[in-house]
């Protein structure tokens, strides 16, 4: 089971099953595996602005 994370600022949901193709994050990449420099692809908030769902 994968855990989705939601941006507190805009509501974007990072789903590990989908990854983030706009930022070259392949499907299957868990949230904790995302680089520390990764930001929300919608509003550019930092990774620290996400909460587990």
N, C-alpha and C. Protein backbone atom coordinates (compact mmCIF):
# COMPACT_ATOMS: atom_id res chain seq x y z
N UNK A 1 0.85 -1.19 0.00
CA UNK A 1 0.00 0.00 0.00
C UNK A 1 0.88 1.24 0.00
N UNK A 2 0.51 2.22 -0.77
CA UNK A 2 1.27 3.45 -0.83
C UNK A 2 0.54 4.56 -0.08
N UNK A 3 1.31 5.50 0.41
CA UNK A 3 0.72 6.59 1.16
C UNK A 3 0.79 7.87 0.35
N UNK A 4 -0.36 8.51 0.17
CA UNK A 4 -0.41 9.78 -0.54
C UNK A 4 -0.18 10.92 0.45
N UNK A 5 0.36 12.01 -0.08
CA UNK A 5 0.64 13.20 0.72
C UNK A 5 -0.02 14.40 0.06
N UNK A 6 -0.58 15.30 0.88
CA UNK A 6 -1.31 16.46 0.35
C UNK A 6 -0.64 17.77 0.75
N UNK A 7 -0.56 18.67 -0.21
CA UNK A 7 0.00 20.00 0.02
C UNK A 7 -0.99 20.82 0.85
N UNK A 8 -0.53 21.38 1.95
CA UNK A 8 -1.41 22.19 2.80
C UNK A 8 -1.80 23.50 2.11
N UNK A 9 -1.00 23.98 1.20
CA UNK A 9 -1.26 25.27 0.55
C UNK A 9 -2.33 25.18 -0.55
N UNK A 10 -2.18 24.23 -1.47
CA UNK A 10 -3.08 24.19 -2.63
C UNK A 10 -3.93 22.93 -2.74
N UNK A 11 -3.62 21.91 -1.95
CA UNK A 11 -4.42 20.69 -1.99
C UNK A 11 -3.92 19.63 -2.96
N UNK A 12 -2.82 19.93 -3.69
CA UNK A 12 -2.25 18.93 -4.60
C UNK A 12 -1.92 17.65 -3.82
N UNK A 13 -2.21 16.51 -4.42
CA UNK A 13 -1.92 15.23 -3.78
C UNK A 13 -0.80 14.53 -4.54
N UNK A 14 0.28 14.22 -3.81
CA UNK A 14 1.37 13.41 -4.40
C UNK A 14 1.01 11.95 -4.18
N UNK A 15 0.86 11.23 -5.27
CA UNK A 15 0.53 9.80 -5.23
C UNK A 15 1.74 9.03 -5.75
N UNK A 16 2.40 8.26 -4.88
CA UNK A 16 3.58 7.50 -5.30
C UNK A 16 3.32 6.58 -6.49
N UNK A 17 2.09 6.11 -6.64
CA UNK A 17 1.77 5.22 -7.76
C UNK A 17 1.89 5.96 -9.10
N UNK A 18 1.74 7.28 -9.06
CA UNK A 18 1.82 8.08 -10.28
C UNK A 18 3.15 8.80 -10.42
N UNK A 19 3.80 9.12 -9.30
CA UNK A 19 5.04 9.89 -9.34
C UNK A 19 4.73 11.33 -9.74
N UNK A 20 5.71 12.02 -10.27
CA UNK A 20 5.56 13.40 -10.72
C UNK A 20 6.31 13.54 -12.03
N UNK A 21 5.63 13.19 -13.11
CA UNK A 21 6.29 13.15 -14.42
C UNK A 21 6.81 14.52 -14.85
N UNK A 22 6.15 15.60 -14.43
CA UNK A 22 6.62 16.94 -14.79
C UNK A 22 8.02 17.22 -14.24
N UNK A 23 8.34 16.59 -13.12
CA UNK A 23 9.64 16.79 -12.48
C UNK A 23 10.53 15.55 -12.54
N UNK A 24 10.21 14.66 -13.48
CA UNK A 24 11.00 13.44 -13.72
C UNK A 24 11.10 12.52 -12.50
N UNK A 25 10.02 12.47 -11.72
CA UNK A 25 9.95 11.54 -10.59
C UNK A 25 9.15 10.34 -11.09
N UNK A 26 9.79 9.17 -11.20
CA UNK A 26 9.08 8.02 -11.77
C UNK A 26 8.00 7.45 -10.83
N UNK A 27 7.01 6.83 -11.44
CA UNK A 27 5.98 6.12 -10.67
C UNK A 27 6.67 5.11 -9.76
N UNK A 28 6.13 4.96 -8.56
CA UNK A 28 6.71 4.03 -7.60
C UNK A 28 7.67 4.70 -6.62
N UNK A 29 7.88 6.01 -6.75
CA UNK A 29 8.77 6.74 -5.84
C UNK A 29 7.98 7.19 -4.62
N UNK A 30 8.34 6.68 -3.45
CA UNK A 30 7.62 7.06 -2.23
C UNK A 30 7.95 8.52 -1.88
N UNK A 31 7.09 9.12 -1.07
CA UNK A 31 7.29 10.52 -0.69
C UNK A 31 8.63 10.71 0.02
N UNK A 32 9.00 9.78 0.89
CA UNK A 32 10.27 9.92 1.61
C UNK A 32 11.48 9.81 0.69
N UNK A 33 11.31 9.19 -0.48
CA UNK A 33 12.40 9.07 -1.44
C UNK A 33 12.57 10.32 -2.31
N UNK A 34 11.59 11.22 -2.27
CA UNK A 34 11.70 12.44 -3.06
C UNK A 34 12.89 13.27 -2.57
N UNK A 35 13.60 13.92 -3.47
CA UNK A 35 14.73 14.74 -3.03
C UNK A 35 14.25 15.89 -2.14
N UNK A 36 15.09 16.33 -1.24
CA UNK A 36 14.74 17.42 -0.33
C UNK A 36 14.42 18.72 -1.05
N UNK A 37 14.89 18.84 -2.27
CA UNK A 37 14.65 20.05 -3.06
C UNK A 37 13.34 19.99 -3.83
N UNK A 38 12.64 18.84 -3.79
CA UNK A 38 11.38 18.70 -4.52
C UNK A 38 10.35 19.67 -3.95
N UNK A 39 9.58 20.29 -4.82
CA UNK A 39 8.52 21.22 -4.42
C UNK A 39 7.22 20.82 -5.08
N UNK A 40 6.13 21.30 -4.53
CA UNK A 40 4.81 21.06 -5.11
C UNK A 40 4.81 21.54 -6.56
N UNK A 41 4.40 20.67 -7.50
CA UNK A 41 4.40 21.07 -8.90
C UNK A 41 3.31 22.08 -9.25
N UNK A 42 2.38 22.32 -8.34
CA UNK A 42 1.29 23.27 -8.59
C UNK A 42 1.61 24.65 -8.03
N UNK A 43 2.02 24.70 -6.75
CA UNK A 43 2.20 26.00 -6.10
C UNK A 43 3.63 26.27 -5.61
N UNK A 44 4.54 25.33 -5.84
CA UNK A 44 5.96 25.46 -5.49
C UNK A 44 6.26 25.49 -4.00
N UNK A 45 5.32 25.05 -3.17
CA UNK A 45 5.60 24.94 -1.74
C UNK A 45 6.62 23.83 -1.52
N UNK A 46 7.46 23.94 -0.48
CA UNK A 46 8.46 22.91 -0.22
C UNK A 46 7.84 21.59 0.26
N UNK A 47 8.63 20.56 0.20
CA UNK A 47 8.21 19.22 0.63
C UNK A 47 7.67 19.24 2.07
N UNK A 48 8.21 20.13 2.90
CA UNK A 48 7.79 20.22 4.31
C UNK A 48 6.35 20.71 4.46
N UNK A 49 5.75 21.20 3.38
CA UNK A 49 4.36 21.69 3.43
C UNK A 49 3.34 20.60 3.12
N UNK A 50 3.78 19.34 3.10
CA UNK A 50 2.90 18.23 2.80
C UNK A 50 2.59 17.41 4.05
N UNK A 51 1.36 16.92 4.13
CA UNK A 51 0.93 16.05 5.22
C UNK A 51 0.47 14.71 4.65
N UNK A 52 0.70 13.61 5.40
CA UNK A 52 0.21 12.31 4.93
C UNK A 52 -1.32 12.29 4.99
N UNK A 53 -1.89 11.55 4.06
CA UNK A 53 -3.36 11.44 4.01
C UNK A 53 -3.81 10.11 4.62
